[in-house]
PDB file of N, CA and C in Angstrom:
ATOM      1  N   MET A   1      96.775  91.718  81.499  1.00  0.00           N
ATOM      2  CA  MET A   1      95.854  90.653  81.795  1.00  0.00           C
ATOM      3  C   MET A   1      96.217  89.906  83.172  1.00  0.00           C
ATOM      4  N   LEU A   2      95.395  89.691  83.783  1.00  0.00           N
ATOM      5  CA  LEU A   2      95.590  88.980  85.327  1.00  0.00           C
ATOM      6  C   LEU A   2      96.092  87.488  84.915  1.00  0.00           C
ATOM      7  N   PRO A   3      97.085  87.000  85.688  1.00  0.00           N
ATOM      8  CA  PRO A   3      97.488  85.794  85.360  1.00  0.00           C
ATOM      9  C   PRO A   3      96.623  85.010  86.094  1.00  0.00           C
ATOM     10  N   PRO A   4      96.243  83.758  85.695  1.00  0.00           N
ATOM     11  CA  PRO A   4      95.417  82.699  86.334  1.00  0.00           C
ATOM     12  C   PRO A   4      95.837  82.540  87.564  1.00  0.00           C
ATOM     13  N   HIS A   5      94.718  82.438  88.548  1.00  0.00           N
ATOM     14  CA  HIS A   5      95.055  82.126  89.946  1.00  0.00           C
ATOM     15  C   HIS A   5      95.832  83.199  90.698  1.00  0.00           C
ATOM     16  N   PHE A   6      96.168  84.190  90.232  1.00  0.00           N
ATOM     17  CA  PHE A   6      96.956  85.200  90.803  1.00  0.00           C
ATOM     18  C   PHE A   6      96.349  85.690  92.110  1.00  0.00           C
ATOM     19  N   LEU A   7      94.944  86.049  92.149  1.00  0.00           N
ATOM     20  CA  LEU A   7      94.345  86.489  93.363  1.00  0.00           C
ATOM     21  C   LEU A   7      94.291  85.334  94.423  1.00  0.00           C
ATOM     22  N   SER A   8      94.028  84.279  93.978  1.00  0.00           N
ATOM     23  CA  SER A   8      93.685  83.245  94.941  1.00  0.00           C
ATOM     24  C   SER A   8      95.077  82.784  95.614  1.00  0.00           C
ATOM     25  N   VAL A   9      96.087  82.960  94.788  1.00  0.00           N
ATOM     26  CA  VAL A   9      97.400  82.577  95.491  1.00  0.00           C
ATOM     27  C   VAL A   9      97.836  83.756  96.497  1.00  0.00           C
ATOM     28  N   LEU A  10      97.568  85.038  95.997  1.00  0.00           N
ATOM     29  CA  LEU A  10      97.947  86.247  96.790  1.00  0.00           C
ATOM     30  C   LEU A  10      97.230  86.342  98.076  1.00  0.00           C
ATOM     31  N   GLU A  11      95.957  86.071  98.039  1.00  0.00           N
ATOM     32  CA  GLU A  11      95.054  86.400  99.292  1.00  0.00           C
ATOM     33  C   GLU A  11      95.833  85.738 100.448  1.00  0.00           C
ATOM     34  N   PRO A  12      96.070  84.451 100.581  1.00  0.00           N
ATOM     35  CA  PRO A  12      96.653  83.955 101.651  1.00  0.00           C
ATOM     36  C   PRO A  12      97.744  84.373 102.322  1.00  0.00           C
ATOM     37  N   TYR A  13      98.748  84.908 101.335  1.00  0.00           N
ATOM     38  CA  TYR A  13     100.157  85.725 101.455  1.00  0.00           C
ATOM     39  C   TYR A  13      99.738  87.115 102.344  1.00  0.00           C
ATOM     40  N   LEU A  14      98.783  87.684 101.679  1.00  0.00           N
ATOM     41  CA  LEU A  14      98.569  88.926 102.494  1.00  0.00           C
ATOM     42  C   LEU A  14      97.825  88.813 103.896  1.00  0.00           C
ATOM     43  N   ARG A  15      96.752  87.825 103.848  1.00  0.00           N
ATOM     44  CA  ARG A  15      96.154  87.669 105.044  1.00  0.00           C
ATOM     45  C   ARG A  15      97.136  87.146 106.138  1.00  0.00           C
ATOM     46  N   GLU A  16      98.152  86.365 105.961  1.00  0.00           N
ATOM     47  CA  GLU A  16      99.197  85.899 106.790  1.00  0.00           C
ATOM     48  C   GLU A  16     100.199  86.886 106.914  1.00  0.00           C
ATOM     49  N   ARG A  17     100.406  88.029 106.162  1.00  0.00           N
ATOM     50  CA  ARG A  17     101.299  89.054 106.280  1.00  0.00           C
ATOM     51  C   ARG A  17     102.575  88.334 105.676  1.00  0.00           C
ATOM     52  N   LYS A  18     102.688  87.726 104.827  1.00  0.00           N
ATOM     53  CA  LYS A  18     103.958  87.058 104.065  1.00  0.00           C
ATOM     54  C   LYS A  18     104.324  87.885 103.019  1.00  0.00           C
ATOM     55  N   TRP A  19     104.961  89.161 103.391  1.00  0.00           N
ATOM     56  CA  TRP A  19     105.163  90.203 102.463  1.00  0.00           C
ATOM     57  C   TRP A  19     106.205  89.701 101.340  1.00  0.00           C
ATOM     58  N   VAL A  20     107.095  89.057 101.646  1.00  0.00           N
ATOM     59  CA  VAL A  20     108.328  88.784 100.793  1.00  0.00           C
ATOM     60  C   VAL A  20     107.537  87.667  99.726  1.00  0.00           C
ATOM     61  N   GLU A  21     106.812  86.861 100.057  1.00  0.00           N
ATOM     62  CA  GLU A  21     106.009  85.967  99.209  1.00  0.00           C
ATOM     63  C   GLU A  21     105.323  86.622  98.373  1.00  0.00           C
ATOM     64  N   ALA A  22     104.169  87.619  98.869  1.00  0.00           N
ATOM     65  CA  ALA A  22     103.534  88.321  98.039  1.00  0.00           C
ATOM     66  C   ALA A  22     104.269  89.076  96.915  1.00  0.00           C
ATOM     67  N   ARG A  23     105.325  89.936  97.506  1.00  0.00           N
ATOM     68  CA  ARG A  23     106.293  90.519  96.448  1.00  0.00           C
ATOM     69  C   ARG A  23     106.601  89.786  95.381  1.00  0.00           C
ATOM     70  N   ARG A  24     107.191  88.551  95.602  1.00  0.00           N
ATOM     71  CA  ARG A  24     107.658  87.572  94.699  1.00  0.00           C
ATOM     72  C   ARG A  24     106.747  87.158  93.656  1.00  0.00           C
ATOM     73  N   LEU A  25     105.611  86.979  94.346  1.00  0.00           N
ATOM     74  CA  LEU A  25     104.502  86.811  93.272  1.00  0.00           C
ATOM     75  C   LEU A  25     104.210  88.009  92.387  1.00  0.00           C
ATOM     76  N   ALA A  26     104.170  88.952  92.887  1.00  0.00           N
ATOM     77  CA  ALA A  26     103.875  90.399  92.146  1.00  0.00           C
ATOM     78  C   ALA A  26     105.124  90.747  91.233  1.00  0.00           C
ATOM     79  N   ASP A  27     106.206  90.356  91.535  1.00  0.00           N
ATOM     80  CA  ASP A  27     107.481  90.523  90.849  1.00  0.00           C
ATOM     81  C   ASP A  27     107.261  89.692  89.521  1.00  0.00           C
ATOM     82  N   GLY A  28     106.469  88.588  89.628  1.00  0.00           N
ATOM     83  CA  GLY A  28     106.536  87.553  88.489  1.00  0.00           C
ATOM     84  C   GLY A  28     105.691  87.847  87.528  1.00  0.00           C
ATOM     85  N   SER A  29     104.832  88.966  87.706  1.00  0.00           N
ATOM     86  CA  SER A  29     103.910  89.362  86.743  1.00  0.00           C
ATOM     87  C   SER A  29     103.836  90.784  86.366  1.00  0.00           C
ATOM     88  N   GLU A  30     103.605  91.138  85.151  1.00  0.00           N
ATOM     89  CA  GLU A  30     103.570  92.441  84.752  1.00  0.00           C
ATOM     90  C   GLU A  30     102.285  93.054  84.614  1.00  0.00           C
ATOM     91  N   SER A  31     101.160  92.313  85.011  1.00  0.00           N
ATOM     92  CA  SER A  31      99.792  92.955  84.875  1.00  0.00           C
ATOM     93  C   SER A  31      99.580  94.052  85.771  1.00  0.00           C
ATOM     94  N   ALA A  32      98.620  94.840  85.424  1.00  0.00           N
ATOM     95  CA  ALA A  32      98.598  96.017  85.992  1.00  0.00           C
ATOM     96  C   ALA A  32      98.123  96.018  87.623  1.00  0.00           C
ATOM     97  N   ILE A  33      97.399  94.923  87.958  1.00  0.00           N
ATOM     98  CA  ILE A  33      97.114  94.679  89.354  1.00  0.00           C
ATOM     99  C   ILE A  33      98.491  94.459  90.063  1.00  0.00           C
ATOM    100  N   ALA A  34      99.408  93.754  89.509  1.00  0.00           N
ATOM    101  CA  ALA A  34     100.735  93.326  90.256  1.00  0.00           C
ATOM    102  C   ALA A  34     101.488  94.543  90.392  1.00  0.00           C
ATOM    103  N   GLN A  35     101.479  95.323  89.259  1.00  0.00           N
ATOM    104  CA  GLN A  35     102.180  96.682  89.459  1.00  0.00           C
ATOM    105  C   GLN A  35     101.818  97.412  90.707  1.00  0.00           C
ATOM    106  N   VAL A  36     100.517  97.560  90.724  1.00  0.00           N
ATOM    107  CA  VAL A  36      99.918  98.500  91.982  1.00  0.00           C
ATOM    108  C   VAL A  36     100.226  97.705  93.275  1.00  0.00           C
ATOM    109  N   LEU A  37     100.045  96.498  93.197  1.00  0.00           N
ATOM    110  CA  LEU A  37     100.422  95.724  94.528  1.00  0.00           C
ATOM    111  C   LEU A  37     101.897  96.004  94.892  1.00  0.00           C
ATOM    112  N   ARG A  38     102.876  95.988  93.768  1.00  0.00           N
ATOM    113  CA  ARG A  38     104.356  96.048  94.225  1.00  0.00           C
ATOM    114  C   ARG A  38     104.471  97.395  94.839  1.00  0.00           C
ATOM    115  N   GLY A  39     103.647  98.370  94.372  1.00  0.00           N
ATOM    116  CA  GLY A  39     103.747  99.743  94.917  1.00  0.00           C
ATOM    117  C   GLY A  39     103.443  99.712  96.507  1.00  0.00           C
ATOM    118  N   GLY A  40     102.570  98.808  96.762  1.00  0.00           N
ATOM    119  CA  GLY A  40     102.142  98.851  98.237  1.00  0.00           C
ATOM    120  C   GLY A  40     103.166  98.084  99.018  1.00  0.00           C
ATOM    121  N   LEU A  41     103.421  96.801  98.434  1.00  0.00           N
ATOM    122  CA  LEU A  41     104.387  95.972  99.099  1.00  0.00           C
ATOM    123  C   LEU A  41     105.962  96.587  99.341  1.00  0.00           C
ATOM    124  N   ARG A  42     106.079  97.713  98.614  1.00  0.00           N
ATOM    125  CA  ARG A  42     107.478  98.258  98.922  1.00  0.00           C
ATOM    126  C   ARG A  42     107.322  98.921 100.169  1.00  0.00           C
ATOM    127  N   ARG A  43     106.039  99.217 100.736  1.00  0.00           N
ATOM    128  CA  ARG A  43     105.940 100.196 102.075  1.00  0.00           C
ATOM    129  C   ARG A  43     105.390  99.276 102.933  1.00  0.00           C
ATOM    130  N   ALA A  44     105.411  97.854 102.867  1.00  0.00           N
ATOM    131  CA  ALA A  44     104.923  97.039 104.131  1.00  0.00           C
ATOM    132  C   ALA A  44     105.441  97.276 105.162  1.00  0.00           C
ATOM    133  N   GLY A  45     104.725  97.455 106.229  1.00  0.00           N
ATOM    134  CA  GLY A  45     105.168  97.662 107.425  1.00  0.00           C
ATOM    135  C   GLY A  45     104.859  99.212 107.968  1.00  0.00           C
ATOM    136  N   ASP A  46     104.997 100.100 106.719  1.00  0.00           N
ATOM    137  CA  ASP A  46     104.663 101.644 107.175  1.00  0.00           C
ATOM    138  C   ASP A  46     103.225 101.867 107.415  1.00  0.00           C
ATOM    139  N   SER A  47     102.914 102.998 107.548  1.00  0.00           N
ATOM    140  CA  SER A  47     101.471 103.474 108.008  1.00  0.00           C
ATOM    141  C   SER A  47     100.537 103.147 106.625  1.00  0.00           C
ATOM    142  N   ARG A  48      99.326 103.043 106.967  1.00  0.00           N
ATOM    143  CA  ARG A  48      98.325 102.794 105.917  1.00  0.00           C
ATOM    144  C   ARG A  48      98.465 104.036 104.962  1.00  0.00           C
ATOM    145  N   ALA A  49      98.532 105.225 105.450  1.00  0.00           N
ATOM    146  CA  ALA A  49      98.680 106.377 104.536  1.00  0.00           C
ATOM    147  C   ALA A  49      99.795 106.079 103.544  1.00  0.00           C
ATOM    148  N   ALA A  50     101.031 105.709 103.968  1.00  0.00           N
ATOM    149  CA  ALA A  50     102.024 105.571 103.167  1.00  0.00           C
ATOM    150  C   ALA A  50     101.903 104.565 102.150  1.00  0.00           C
ATOM    151  N   ILE A  51     101.304 103.444 102.436  1.00  0.00           N
ATOM    152  CA  ILE A  51     100.952 102.332 101.800  1.00  0.00           C
ATOM    153  C   ILE A  51      99.872 102.732 100.495  1.00  0.00           C
ATOM    154  N   ARG A  52      99.159 103.656 101.024  1.00  0.00           N
ATOM    155  CA  ARG A  52      97.858 103.957 100.045  1.00  0.00           C
ATOM    156  C   ARG A  52      98.560 105.043  99.241  1.00  0.00           C
ATOM    157  N   GLU A  53      99.266 105.769  99.469  1.00  0.00           N
ATOM    158  CA  GLU A  53     100.105 106.828  98.635  1.00  0.00           C
ATOM    159  C   GLU A  53     100.890 106.114  97.745  1.00  0.00           C
ATOM    160  N   SER A  54     101.585 105.203  98.060  1.00  0.00           N
ATOM    161  CA  SER A  54     102.384 104.278  97.062  1.00  0.00           C
ATOM    162  C   SER A  54     101.680 103.564  96.078  1.00  0.00           C
ATOM    163  N   MET A  55     100.635 102.934  96.484  1.00  0.00           N
ATOM    164  CA  MET A  55      99.630 102.240  95.763  1.00  0.00           C
ATOM    165  C   MET A  55      99.005 103.243  94.680  1.00  0.00           C
ATOM    166  N   GLU A  56      98.581 104.439  95.147  1.00  0.00           N
ATOM    167  CA  GLU A  56      97.875 105.407  94.327  1.00  0.00           C
ATOM    168  C   GLU A  56      98.976 105.849  93.180  1.00  0.00           C
ATOM    169  N   GLU A  57     100.165 106.006  93.567  1.00  0.00           N
ATOM    170  CA  GLU A  57     101.301 106.392  92.658  1.00  0.00           C
ATOM    171  C   GLU A  57     101.337 105.537  91.544  1.00  0.00           C
ATOM    172  N   ALA A  58     101.387 104.141  91.938  1.00  0.00           N
ATOM    173  CA  ALA A  58     101.684 102.999  91.043  1.00  0.00           C
ATOM    174  C   ALA A  58     100.542 102.907  90.184  1.00  0.00           C
ATOM    175  N   GLY A  59      99.262 103.081  90.650  1.00  0.00           N
ATOM    176  CA  GLY A  59      97.970 103.273  89.840  1.00  0.00           C
ATOM    177  C   GLY A  59      98.048 104.245  88.903  1.00  0.00           C
ATOM    178  N   ARG A  60      98.594 105.504  89.305  1.00  0.00           N
ATOM    179  CA  ARG A  60      98.457 106.587  88.159  1.00  0.00           C
ATOM    180  C   ARG A  60      99.559 106.241  87.080  1.00  0.00           C
ATOM    181  N   ARG A  61     100.627 105.631  87.370  1.00  0.00           N
ATOM    182  CA  ARG A  61     101.626 105.141  86.286  1.00  0.00           C
ATOM    183  C   ARG A  61     101.090 104.119  85.444  1.00  0.00           C
ATOM    184  N   VAL A  62     100.367 103.169  86.029  1.00  0.00           N
ATOM    185  CA  VAL A  62      99.575 102.112  85.199  1.00  0.00           C
ATOM    186  C   VAL A  62      98.545 102.782  84.386  1.00  0.00           C
ATOM    187  N   ALA A  63      97.860 103.660  84.876  1.00  0.00           N
ATOM    188  CA  ALA A  63      96.727 104.377  84.102  1.00  0.00           C
ATOM    189  C   ALA A  63      97.180 105.057  82.830  1.00  0.00           C
ATOM    190  N   ASP A  64      98.252 105.909  83.109  1.00  0.00           N
ATOM    191  CA  ASP A  64      98.984 106.661  82.129  1.00  0.00           C
ATOM    192  C   ASP A  64      99.450 105.679  81.120  1.00  0.00           C
ATOM    193  N   HIS A  65     100.036 104.755  81.381  1.00  0.00           N
ATOM    194  CA  HIS A  65     100.701 103.547  80.389  1.00  0.00           C
ATOM    195  C   HIS A  65      99.406 103.110  79.515  1.00  0.00           C
ATOM    196  N   LEU A  66      98.161 102.744  80.205  1.00  0.00           N
ATOM    197  CA  LEU A  66      97.274 102.244  79.655  1.00  0.00           C
ATOM    198  C   LEU A  66      96.523 103.265  78.691  1.00  0.00           C
ATOM    199  N   ASN A  67      96.427 104.405  79.101  1.00  0.00           N
ATOM    200  CA  ASN A  67      95.684 105.505  78.386  1.00  0.00           C
ATOM    201  C   ASN A  67      96.551 105.868  77.068  1.00  0.00           C
ATOM    202  N   ARG A  68      97.819 105.576  76.816  1.00  0.00           N
ATOM    203  CA  ARG A  68      98.619 105.763  75.724  1.00  0.00           C
ATOM    204  C   ARG A  68      97.893 105.245  74.456  1.00  0.00           C
ATOM    205  N   TYR A  69      97.381 104.027  74.708  1.00  0.00           N
ATOM    206  CA  TYR A  69      96.592 103.452  73.569  1.00  0.00           C
ATOM    207  C   TYR A  69      95.229 103.713  73.319  1.00  0.00           C
ATOM    208  N   LEU A  70      94.622 104.518  74.004  1.00  0.00           N
ATOM    209  CA  LEU A  70      93.213 104.921  73.914  1.00  0.00           C
ATOM    210  C   LEU A  70      92.890 105.641  72.725  1.00  0.00           C
ATOM    211  N   GLY A  71      93.924 106.470  72.129  1.00  0.00           N
ATOM    212  CA  GLY A  71      93.696 107.311  71.009  1.00  0.00           C
ATOM    213  C   GLY A  71      93.524 106.494  69.598  1.00  0.00           C
ATOM    214  N   GLY A  72      94.522 105.491  69.583  1.00  0.00           N
ATOM    215  CA  GLY A  72      94.352 104.421  68.435  1.00  0.00           C
ATOM    216  C   GLY A  72      93.126 103.767  68.447  1.00  0.00           C
ATOM    217  N   ILE A  73      92.773 103.162  69.550  1.00  0.00           N
ATOM    218  CA  ILE A  73      91.700 102.326  69.709  1.00  0.00           C
ATOM    219  C   ILE A  73      90.505 103.081  69.562  1.00  0.00           C
ATOM    220  N   SER A  74      90.204 104.335  69.989  1.00  0.00           N
ATOM    221  CA  SER A  74      89.327 105.281  69.615  1.00  0.00           C
ATOM    222  C   SER A  74      88.935 105.524  68.218  1.00  0.00           C
ATOM    223  N   ALA A  75      90.096 105.680  67.562  1.00  0.00           N
ATOM    224  CA  ALA A  75      89.939 105.949  66.015  1.00  0.00           C
ATOM    225  C   ALA A  75      89.412 104.596  65.260  1.00  0.00           C
ATOM    226  N   ILE A  76      89.927 103.587  65.707  1.00  0.00           N
ATOM    227  CA  ILE A  76      89.392 102.247  65.188  1.00  0.00           C
ATOM    228  C   ILE A  76      87.931 102.260  65.419  1.00  0.00           C
ATOM    229  N   VAL A  77      87.488 102.416  66.512  1.00  0.00           N
ATOM    230  CA  VAL A  77      86.046 102.229  67.092  1.00  0.00           C
ATOM    231  C   VAL A  77      85.274 103.261  66.181  1.00  0.00           C
ATOM    232  N   SER A  78      85.653 104.302  65.873  1.00  0.00           N
ATOM    233  CA  SER A  78      84.967 105.313  65.225  1.00  0.00           C
ATOM    234  C   SER A  78      84.798 105.019  63.749  1.00  0.00           C
ATOM    235  N   VAL A  79      85.814 104.497  62.941  1.00  0.00           N
ATOM    236  CA  VAL A  79      85.898 104.214  61.814  1.00  0.00           C
ATOM    237  C   VAL A  79      85.300 102.789  61.423  1.00  0.00           C
ATOM    238  N   ALA A  80      85.201 101.880  62.065  1.00  0.00           N
ATOM    239  CA  ALA A  80      84.826 100.624  61.845  1.00  0.00           C
ATOM    240  C   ALA A  80      83.344 100.638  61.467  1.00  0.00           C
ATOM    241  N   PRO A  81      82.401 101.386  62.166  1.00  0.00           N
ATOM    242  CA  PRO A  81      81.012 101.200  61.627  1.00  0.00           C
ATOM    243  C   PRO A  81      80.861 101.955  60.310  1.00  0.00           C
ATOM    244  N   LEU A  82      81.688 102.907  59.973  1.00  0.00           N
ATOM    245  CA  LEU A  82      81.579 103.584  58.627  1.00  0.00           C
ATOM    246  C   LEU A  82      81.904 102.707  57.567  1.00  0.00           C
ATOM    247  N   LEU A  83      82.927 101.812  57.897  1.00  0.00           N
ATOM    248  CA  LEU A  83      83.538 100.860  56.922  1.00  0.00           C
ATOM    249  C   LEU A  83      82.301  99.894  56.477  1.00  0.00           C
ATOM    250  N   GLY A  84      81.405  99.597  57.350  1.00  0.00           N
ATOM    251  CA  GLY A  84      80.214  98.747  57.136  1.00  0.00           C
ATOM    252  C   GLY A  84      79.326  99.277  56.387  1.00  0.00           C
ATOM    253  N   LEU A  85      79.319 100.587  56.196  1.00  0.00           N
ATOM    254  CA  LEU A  85      78.256 101.309  55.431  1.00  0.00           C
ATOM    255  C   LEU A  85      78.741 101.280  53.867  1.00  0.00           C
ATOM    256  N   LEU A  86      79.939 100.873  53.820  1.00  0.00           N
ATOM    257  CA  LEU A  86      80.350 100.793  52.183  1.00  0.00           C
ATOM    258  C   LEU A  86      80.051  99.262  51.604  1.00  0.00           C
ATOM    259  N   GLY A  87      79.588  98.555  52.474  1.00  0.00           N
ATOM    260  CA  GLY A  87      79.195  97.057  51.932  1.00  0.00           C
ATOM    261  C   GLY A  87      80.586  96.284  51.941  1.00  0.00           C
ATOM    262  N   PRO A  88      80.141  95.015  51.380  1.00  0.00           N
ATOM    263  CA  PRO A  88      81.374  93.973  51.305  1.00  0.00           C
ATOM    264  C   PRO A  88      82.511  94.497  50.246  1.00  0.00           C
ATOM    265  N   SER A  89      83.571  94.086  50.624  1.00  0.00           N
ATOM    266  CA  SER A  89      84.591  94.344  49.542  1.00  0.00           C
ATOM    267  C   SER A  89      84.595  93.304  48.505  1.00  0.00           C
ATOM    268  N   PRO A  90      85.011  93.860  47.223  1.00  0.00           N
ATOM    269  CA  PRO A  90      84.862  93.240  46.133  1.00  0.00           C
ATOM    270  C   PRO A  90      85.712  91.938  46.203  1.00  0.00           C
ATOM    271  N   ALA A  91      85.464  90.742  45.608  1.00  0.00           N
ATOM    272  CA  ALA A  91      86.265  89.592  45.760  1.00  0.00           C
ATOM    273  C   ALA A  91      87.061  89.501  44.571  1.00  0.00           C
TER     274      ALA A  91
END
């Protein structure tokens, strides 16, 4: 989940090229966007291609982590409507 006001605090840091402050903000959050941002900030000052590559790699790691849970969620989503067909549980 994205921390409240994360992007509104981050934007001025990025616009003013305050990489240390932006990195500190990203380090304080375990959200997916912060993890991808940290990937790019590690390469601050490098070429756009290097920054993009670093962020894409971080994005792949985050996506892999999030995809781990899709199997269980998919099973629940598939079974839940079928449980409704059985009617209310006896009280």
